[in-house]
PDB file of N, CA and C in Angstrom:
ATOM      1  N   MET A   1      22.816 -62.893 -88.295  1.00  0.00           N
ATOM      2  CA  MET A   1      21.557 -62.860 -87.156  1.00  0.00           C
ATOM      3  C   MET A   1      20.398 -62.491 -87.983  1.00  0.00           C
ATOM      4  N   GLU A   2      19.615 -63.376 -87.947  1.00  0.00           N
ATOM      5  CA  GLU A   2      18.064 -63.038 -88.317  1.00  0.00           C
ATOM      6  C   GLU A   2      17.234 -62.508 -87.474  1.00  0.00           C
ATOM      7  N   ILE A   3      16.741 -61.328 -87.668  1.00  0.00           N
ATOM      8  CA  ILE A   3      16.144 -60.775 -86.668  1.00  0.00           C
ATOM      9  C   ILE A   3      14.642 -60.719 -86.708  1.00  0.00           C
ATOM     10  N   LYS A   4      13.401 -60.411 -86.413  1.00  0.00           N
ATOM     11  CA  LYS A   4      12.128 -60.307 -86.754  1.00  0.00           C
ATOM     12  C   LYS A   4      11.431 -59.498 -85.678  1.00  0.00           C
ATOM     13  N   ILE A   5      10.426 -59.008 -85.977  1.00  0.00           N
ATOM     14  CA  ILE A   5       9.831 -58.027 -85.152  1.00  0.00           C
ATOM     15  C   ILE A   5       8.465 -58.603 -85.511  1.00  0.00           C
ATOM     16  N   LEU A   6       7.727 -58.617 -84.734  1.00  0.00           N
ATOM     17  CA  LEU A   6       6.280 -59.720 -84.736  1.00  0.00           C
ATOM     18  C   LEU A   6       5.288 -58.205 -84.454  1.00  0.00           C
ATOM     19  N   GLY A   7       4.580 -57.875 -85.501  1.00  0.00           N
ATOM     20  CA  GLY A   7       3.456 -56.720 -84.677  1.00  0.00           C
ATOM     21  C   GLY A   7       3.018 -56.201 -85.835  1.00  0.00           C
ATOM     22  N   GLY A   8       1.963 -55.737 -85.667  1.00  0.00           N
ATOM     23  CA  GLY A   8       1.146 -55.240 -87.060  1.00  0.00           C
ATOM     24  C   GLY A   8       1.938 -53.255 -86.751  1.00  0.00           C
ATOM     25  N   CYS A   9       0.965 -52.488 -87.309  1.00  0.00           N
ATOM     26  CA  CYS A   9       1.631 -50.878 -87.132  1.00  0.00           C
ATOM     27  C   CYS A   9       1.006 -50.286 -86.176  1.00  0.00           C
ATOM     28  N   CYS A  10       1.116 -51.005 -85.028  1.00  0.00           N
ATOM     29  CA  CYS A  10       0.789 -50.260 -83.462  1.00  0.00           C
ATOM     30  C   CYS A  10       1.888 -49.604 -82.948  1.00  0.00           C
ATOM     31  N   LYS A  11       1.858 -48.452 -82.300  1.00  0.00           N
ATOM     32  CA  LYS A  11       3.083 -48.096 -81.645  1.00  0.00           C
ATOM     33  C   LYS A  11       3.946 -48.856 -81.026  1.00  0.00           C
ATOM     34  N   ASN A  12       3.336 -49.784 -79.911  1.00  0.00           N
ATOM     35  CA  ASN A  12       4.575 -50.559 -79.748  1.00  0.00           C
ATOM     36  C   ASN A  12       5.636 -51.429 -80.541  1.00  0.00           C
ATOM     37  N   CYS A  13       5.013 -51.717 -81.569  1.00  0.00           N
ATOM     38  CA  CYS A  13       5.671 -52.319 -82.503  1.00  0.00           C
ATOM     39  C   CYS A  13       6.829 -51.068 -83.146  1.00  0.00           C
ATOM     40  N   GLU A  14       6.430 -50.352 -83.638  1.00  0.00           N
ATOM     41  CA  GLU A  14       7.280 -49.332 -84.000  1.00  0.00           C
ATOM     42  C   GLU A  14       8.614 -49.160 -83.571  1.00  0.00           C
ATOM     43  N   THR A  15       8.298 -48.732 -81.845  1.00  0.00           N
ATOM     44  CA  THR A  15       9.169 -48.321 -80.834  1.00  0.00           C
ATOM     45  C   THR A  15      10.265 -49.829 -80.724  1.00  0.00           C
ATOM     46  N   LEU A  16       9.823 -51.027 -80.780  1.00  0.00           N
ATOM     47  CA  LEU A  16      10.469 -51.839 -80.719  1.00  0.00           C
ATOM     48  C   LEU A  16      11.643 -51.933 -81.792  1.00  0.00           C
ATOM     49  N   LEU A  17      11.273 -52.340 -83.337  1.00  0.00           N
ATOM     50  CA  LEU A  17      11.987 -52.126 -84.196  1.00  0.00           C
ATOM     51  C   LEU A  17      12.965 -50.859 -84.478  1.00  0.00           C
ATOM     52  N   LYS A  18      12.257 -49.908 -83.939  1.00  0.00           N
ATOM     53  CA  LYS A  18      13.520 -48.682 -83.682  1.00  0.00           C
ATOM     54  C   LYS A  18      14.110 -49.070 -82.501  1.00  0.00           C
ATOM     55  N   THR A  19      14.160 -49.572 -81.124  1.00  0.00           N
ATOM     56  CA  THR A  19      15.073 -49.655 -80.357  1.00  0.00           C
ATOM     57  C   THR A  19      15.955 -50.488 -81.116  1.00  0.00           C
ATOM     58  N   VAL A  20      15.863 -51.786 -81.458  1.00  0.00           N
ATOM     59  CA  VAL A  20      16.643 -53.124 -81.837  1.00  0.00           C
ATOM     60  C   VAL A  20      17.688 -52.368 -82.622  1.00  0.00           C
ATOM     61  N   ASN A  21      16.917 -51.520 -83.653  1.00  0.00           N
ATOM     62  CA  ASN A  21      17.935 -51.006 -85.038  1.00  0.00           C
ATOM     63  C   ASN A  21      18.762 -50.241 -84.210  1.00  0.00           C
ATOM     64  N   GLU A  22      18.462 -49.195 -82.771  1.00  0.00           N
ATOM     65  CA  GLU A  22      19.625 -48.350 -82.462  1.00  0.00           C
ATOM     66  C   GLU A  22      20.371 -49.519 -81.596  1.00  0.00           C
ATOM     67  N   VAL A  23      20.513 -50.104 -80.870  1.00  0.00           N
ATOM     68  CA  VAL A  23      20.967 -51.072 -80.304  1.00  0.00           C
ATOM     69  C   VAL A  23      22.224 -51.978 -81.128  1.00  0.00           C
ATOM     70  N   LEU A  24      21.570 -52.661 -82.156  1.00  0.00           N
ATOM     71  CA  LEU A  24      22.364 -53.198 -83.617  1.00  0.00           C
ATOM     72  C   LEU A  24      23.284 -52.042 -83.700  1.00  0.00           C
ATOM     73  N   GLU A  25      23.048 -51.054 -83.965  1.00  0.00           N
ATOM     74  CA  GLU A  25      24.287 -50.103 -84.198  1.00  0.00           C
ATOM     75  C   GLU A  25      25.135 -49.609 -83.184  1.00  0.00           C
ATOM     76  N   GLU A  26      24.955 -49.581 -82.272  1.00  0.00           N
ATOM     77  CA  GLU A  26      25.399 -49.007 -80.696  1.00  0.00           C
ATOM     78  C   GLU A  26      26.345 -50.477 -80.569  1.00  0.00           C
ATOM     79  N   LEU A  27      26.402 -51.634 -80.775  1.00  0.00           N
ATOM     80  CA  LEU A  27      26.699 -52.701 -80.505  1.00  0.00           C
ATOM     81  C   LEU A  27      27.700 -53.065 -81.696  1.00  0.00           C
ATOM     82  N   GLN A  28      27.335 -52.630 -82.840  1.00  0.00           N
ATOM     83  CA  GLN A  28      28.167 -52.826 -83.994  1.00  0.00           C
ATOM     84  C   GLN A  28      27.861 -54.527 -84.274  1.00  0.00           C
ATOM     85  N   ILE A  29      26.675 -54.639 -84.040  1.00  0.00           N
ATOM     86  CA  ILE A  29      26.318 -55.864 -84.514  1.00  0.00           C
ATOM     87  C   ILE A  29      25.676 -55.802 -85.525  1.00  0.00           C
ATOM     88  N   LYS A  30      25.685 -56.797 -86.911  1.00  0.00           N
ATOM     89  CA  LYS A  30      25.234 -56.827 -88.240  1.00  0.00           C
ATOM     90  C   LYS A  30      24.509 -57.835 -87.872  1.00  0.00           C
ATOM     91  N   GLY A  31      23.128 -57.959 -88.437  1.00  0.00           N
ATOM     92  CA  GLY A  31      21.947 -58.507 -88.237  1.00  0.00           C
ATOM     93  C   GLY A  31      20.472 -57.657 -89.219  1.00  0.00           C
ATOM     94  N   ASN A  32      20.237 -59.108 -90.093  1.00  0.00           N
ATOM     95  CA  ASN A  32      19.272 -58.913 -91.032  1.00  0.00           C
ATOM     96  C   ASN A  32      17.828 -58.521 -90.325  1.00  0.00           C
ATOM     97  N   VAL A  33      17.290 -57.109 -90.024  1.00  0.00           N
ATOM     98  CA  VAL A  33      15.955 -56.809 -89.618  1.00  0.00           C
ATOM     99  C   VAL A  33      14.871 -56.843 -90.473  1.00  0.00           C
ATOM    100  N   SER A  34      13.616 -57.856 -89.791  1.00  0.00           N
ATOM    101  CA  SER A  34      12.569 -57.443 -90.898  1.00  0.00           C
ATOM    102  C   SER A  34      11.569 -57.555 -89.758  1.00  0.00           C
ATOM    103  N   LYS A  35      10.122 -57.104 -90.461  1.00  0.00           N
ATOM    104  CA  LYS A  35       9.035 -56.803 -89.405  1.00  0.00           C
ATOM    105  C   LYS A  35       8.073 -57.715 -90.376  1.00  0.00           C
ATOM    106  N   VAL A  36       7.496 -58.571 -89.074  1.00  0.00           N
ATOM    107  CA  VAL A  36       6.347 -59.531 -89.724  1.00  0.00           C
ATOM    108  C   VAL A  36       5.029 -58.944 -89.509  1.00  0.00           C
ATOM    109  N   THR A  37       4.024 -58.791 -90.375  1.00  0.00           N
ATOM    110  CA  THR A  37       2.796 -57.571 -89.943  1.00  0.00           C
ATOM    111  C   THR A  37       1.825 -59.123 -89.881  1.00  0.00           C
ATOM    112  N   ASP A  38       1.917 -60.401 -91.003  1.00  0.00           N
ATOM    113  CA  ASP A  38       0.882 -61.299 -91.018  1.00  0.00           C
ATOM    114  C   ASP A  38       0.626 -61.864 -89.889  1.00  0.00           C
ATOM    115  N   PHE A  39      -0.881 -61.863 -89.422  1.00  0.00           N
ATOM    116  CA  PHE A  39      -0.957 -62.601 -88.217  1.00  0.00           C
ATOM    117  C   PHE A  39      -0.971 -64.395 -88.087  1.00  0.00           C
ATOM    118  N   ILE A  40      -0.968 -64.476 -89.292  1.00  0.00           N
ATOM    119  CA  ILE A  40      -0.723 -65.948 -89.641  1.00  0.00           C
ATOM    120  C   ILE A  40       0.399 -66.215 -89.432  1.00  0.00           C
ATOM    121  N   GLU A  41       1.655 -65.723 -89.963  1.00  0.00           N
ATOM    122  CA  GLU A  41       2.760 -65.977 -89.912  1.00  0.00           C
ATOM    123  C   GLU A  41       3.057 -65.352 -88.277  1.00  0.00           C
ATOM    124  N   ILE A  42       2.703 -64.913 -87.938  1.00  0.00           N
ATOM    125  CA  ILE A  42       3.158 -64.151 -86.206  1.00  0.00           C
ATOM    126  C   ILE A  42       2.416 -65.701 -85.325  1.00  0.00           C
ATOM    127  N   ALA A  43       1.343 -66.368 -85.666  1.00  0.00           N
ATOM    128  CA  ALA A  43       0.728 -67.235 -84.724  1.00  0.00           C
ATOM    129  C   ALA A  43       1.628 -68.563 -84.845  1.00  0.00           C
ATOM    130  N   LYS A  44       2.199 -68.477 -86.217  1.00  0.00           N
ATOM    131  CA  LYS A  44       3.331 -69.598 -86.387  1.00  0.00           C
ATOM    132  C   LYS A  44       4.381 -69.851 -85.447  1.00  0.00           C
ATOM    133  N   TYR A  45       4.989 -68.401 -84.984  1.00  0.00           N
ATOM    134  CA  TYR A  45       5.615 -68.315 -83.886  1.00  0.00           C
ATOM    135  C   TYR A  45       4.856 -69.023 -82.459  1.00  0.00           C
ATOM    136  N   GLY A  46       3.910 -69.036 -81.990  1.00  0.00           N
ATOM    137  CA  GLY A  46       3.361 -69.005 -81.257  1.00  0.00           C
ATOM    138  C   GLY A  46       2.812 -67.504 -80.241  1.00  0.00           C
ATOM    139  N   VAL A  47       3.230 -66.789 -80.886  1.00  0.00           N
ATOM    140  CA  VAL A  47       3.063 -65.780 -80.390  1.00  0.00           C
ATOM    141  C   VAL A  47       1.679 -64.681 -80.240  1.00  0.00           C
ATOM    142  N   MET A  48       0.822 -64.710 -79.551  1.00  0.00           N
ATOM    143  CA  MET A  48      -0.813 -64.414 -79.175  1.00  0.00           C
ATOM    144  C   MET A  48      -0.648 -62.887 -78.867  1.00  0.00           C
ATOM    145  N   LYS A  49       0.446 -62.014 -78.472  1.00  0.00           N
ATOM    146  CA  LYS A  49       0.625 -60.809 -77.944  1.00  0.00           C
ATOM    147  C   LYS A  49       1.768 -60.184 -78.570  1.00  0.00           C
ATOM    148  N   THR A  50       1.647 -59.034 -79.269  1.00  0.00           N
ATOM    149  CA  THR A  50       2.506 -58.009 -79.923  1.00  0.00           C
ATOM    150  C   THR A  50       2.920 -57.396 -79.095  1.00  0.00           C
ATOM    151  N   PRO A  51       3.978 -56.627 -79.312  1.00  0.00           N
ATOM    152  CA  PRO A  51       5.277 -56.618 -80.031  1.00  0.00           C
ATOM    153  C   PRO A  51       5.956 -58.029 -79.906  1.00  0.00           C
ATOM    154  N   GLY A  52       6.525 -59.022 -80.610  1.00  0.00           N
ATOM    155  CA  GLY A  52       7.587 -60.199 -80.182  1.00  0.00           C
ATOM    156  C   GLY A  52       9.061 -60.056 -81.008  1.00  0.00           C
ATOM    157  N   LEU A  53       9.713 -60.283 -80.263  1.00  0.00           N
ATOM    158  CA  LEU A  53      11.171 -60.725 -80.635  1.00  0.00           C
ATOM    159  C   LEU A  53      11.441 -61.675 -80.855  1.00  0.00           C
ATOM    160  N   VAL A  54      11.824 -62.421 -82.197  1.00  0.00           N
ATOM    161  CA  VAL A  54      12.309 -63.229 -83.066  1.00  0.00           C
ATOM    162  C   VAL A  54      13.961 -63.235 -83.189  1.00  0.00           C
ATOM    163  N   ILE A  55      14.700 -63.950 -83.126  1.00  0.00           N
ATOM    164  CA  ILE A  55      16.314 -63.907 -83.098  1.00  0.00           C
ATOM    165  C   ILE A  55      16.514 -65.338 -83.503  1.00  0.00           C
ATOM    166  N   ASP A  56      16.843 -65.720 -84.987  1.00  0.00           N
ATOM    167  CA  ASP A  56      17.178 -66.906 -85.816  1.00  0.00           C
ATOM    168  C   ASP A  56      16.667 -68.151 -84.786  1.00  0.00           C
ATOM    169  N   ASN A  57      14.992 -67.547 -85.537  1.00  0.00           N
ATOM    170  CA  ASN A  57      13.782 -68.385 -85.422  1.00  0.00           C
ATOM    171  C   ASN A  57      13.616 -68.663 -83.989  1.00  0.00           C
ATOM    172  N   LYS A  58      13.988 -67.971 -82.844  1.00  0.00           N
ATOM    173  CA  LYS A  58      13.716 -68.116 -81.418  1.00  0.00           C
ATOM    174  C   LYS A  58      13.091 -66.972 -80.947  1.00  0.00           C
ATOM    175  N   VAL A  59      12.123 -67.475 -80.123  1.00  0.00           N
ATOM    176  CA  VAL A  59      11.348 -66.491 -79.962  1.00  0.00           C
ATOM    177  C   VAL A  59      11.800 -66.005 -78.452  1.00  0.00           C
ATOM    178  N   ILE A  60      12.048 -64.622 -78.356  1.00  0.00           N
ATOM    179  CA  ILE A  60      12.968 -64.186 -77.307  1.00  0.00           C
ATOM    180  C   ILE A  60      11.866 -63.645 -76.403  1.00  0.00           C
ATOM    181  N   PHE A  61      10.851 -63.296 -76.675  1.00  0.00           N
ATOM    182  CA  PHE A  61       9.895 -62.378 -75.816  1.00  0.00           C
ATOM    183  C   PHE A  61       8.427 -61.959 -76.675  1.00  0.00           C
ATOM    184  N   SER A  62       7.654 -61.869 -76.068  1.00  0.00           N
ATOM    185  CA  SER A  62       6.076 -61.335 -76.899  1.00  0.00           C
ATOM    186  C   SER A  62       5.448 -60.702 -75.677  1.00  0.00           C
ATOM    187  N   GLY A  63       4.710 -59.078 -76.034  1.00  0.00           N
ATOM    188  CA  GLY A  63       3.517 -59.072 -75.413  1.00  0.00           C
ATOM    189  C   GLY A  63       3.835 -57.685 -74.503  1.00  0.00           C
ATOM    190  N   ARG A  64       5.253 -57.168 -74.795  1.00  0.00           N
ATOM    191  CA  ARG A  64       6.040 -56.112 -74.513  1.00  0.00           C
ATOM    192  C   ARG A  64       7.006 -55.526 -74.765  1.00  0.00           C
ATOM    193  N   VAL A  65       7.452 -54.291 -74.305  1.00  0.00           N
ATOM    194  CA  VAL A  65       8.440 -53.807 -75.215  1.00  0.00           C
ATOM    195  C   VAL A  65       9.553 -53.671 -73.718  1.00  0.00           C
ATOM    196  N   PRO A  66      10.405 -54.161 -74.037  1.00  0.00           N
ATOM    197  CA  PRO A  66      11.692 -54.014 -72.876  1.00  0.00           C
ATOM    198  C   PRO A  66      12.568 -52.429 -73.420  1.00  0.00           C
ATOM    199  N   ASP A  67      12.869 -52.244 -72.053  1.00  0.00           N
ATOM    200  CA  ASP A  67      13.947 -51.292 -72.147  1.00  0.00           C
ATOM    201  C   ASP A  67      14.682 -51.309 -73.046  1.00  0.00           C
ATOM    202  N   LYS A  68      15.792 -50.540 -73.452  1.00  0.00           N
ATOM    203  CA  LYS A  68      16.947 -50.358 -74.484  1.00  0.00           C
ATOM    204  C   LYS A  68      17.861 -51.275 -73.342  1.00  0.00           C
ATOM    205  N   LYS A  69      17.954 -50.895 -72.134  1.00  0.00           N
ATOM    206  CA  LYS A  69      19.120 -51.951 -71.327  1.00  0.00           C
ATOM    207  C   LYS A  69      18.821 -53.494 -71.520  1.00  0.00           C
ATOM    208  N   GLU A  70      17.659 -53.977 -71.342  1.00  0.00           N
ATOM    209  CA  GLU A  70      17.635 -55.473 -71.911  1.00  0.00           C
ATOM    210  C   GLU A  70      17.947 -55.649 -72.843  1.00  0.00           C
ATOM    211  N   ILE A  71      17.109 -55.183 -74.098  1.00  0.00           N
ATOM    212  CA  ILE A  71      17.630 -55.522 -75.137  1.00  0.00           C
ATOM    213  C   ILE A  71      19.037 -55.498 -75.916  1.00  0.00           C
ATOM    214  N   LYS A  72      19.887 -54.552 -74.981  1.00  0.00           N
ATOM    215  CA  LYS A  72      20.949 -54.791 -75.120  1.00  0.00           C
ATOM    216  C   LYS A  72      21.760 -56.054 -74.323  1.00  0.00           C
ATOM    217  N   GLU A  73      21.137 -56.314 -73.549  1.00  0.00           N
ATOM    218  CA  GLU A  73      21.901 -57.646 -72.410  1.00  0.00           C
ATOM    219  C   GLU A  73      21.225 -58.606 -73.858  1.00  0.00           C
ATOM    220  N   ILE A  74      20.261 -58.479 -74.581  1.00  0.00           N
ATOM    221  CA  ILE A  74      19.741 -59.943 -75.025  1.00  0.00           C
ATOM    222  C   ILE A  74      20.935 -60.012 -76.067  1.00  0.00           C
ATOM    223  N   PHE A  75      21.037 -59.124 -77.226  1.00  0.00           N
ATOM    224  CA  PHE A  75      22.448 -59.200 -77.527  1.00  0.00           C
ATOM    225  C   PHE A  75      23.832 -59.416 -77.405  1.00  0.00           C
ATOM    226  N   GLN A  76      23.917 -58.820 -76.361  1.00  0.00           N
ATOM    227  CA  GLN A  76      25.312 -59.000 -75.803  1.00  0.00           C
ATOM    228  C   GLN A  76      25.359 -60.708 -75.012  1.00  0.00           C
ATOM    229  N   GLY A  77      24.302 -61.377 -75.167  1.00  0.00           N
ATOM    230  CA  GLY A  77      24.582 -62.687 -74.777  1.00  0.00           C
ATOM    231  C   GLY A  77      24.367 -63.613 -75.933  1.00  0.00           C
ATOM    232  N   LYS A  78      24.115 -63.106 -77.228  1.00  0.00           N
ATOM    233  CA  LYS A  78      23.937 -63.796 -78.364  1.00  0.00           C
ATOM    234  C   LYS A  78      25.537 -64.057 -78.874  1.00  0.00           C
TER     235      LYS A  78
END
């Protein structure tokens, strides 16, 4: 599973990255997590507000930080 966190060095982007990594560990899901900070690359996904979450090249959401429960539900549905 290829997971990308879209966003610069903002607090919300860091929070999302941390939460995603925690959820993957708790659910024992293996994934390659990377952070995309280049705004040209981010725009290629059609994301205008960060942070964003991309799983296997599909934008799951952008412009907000969901709570841990919602992130768990996203990964459990994969």
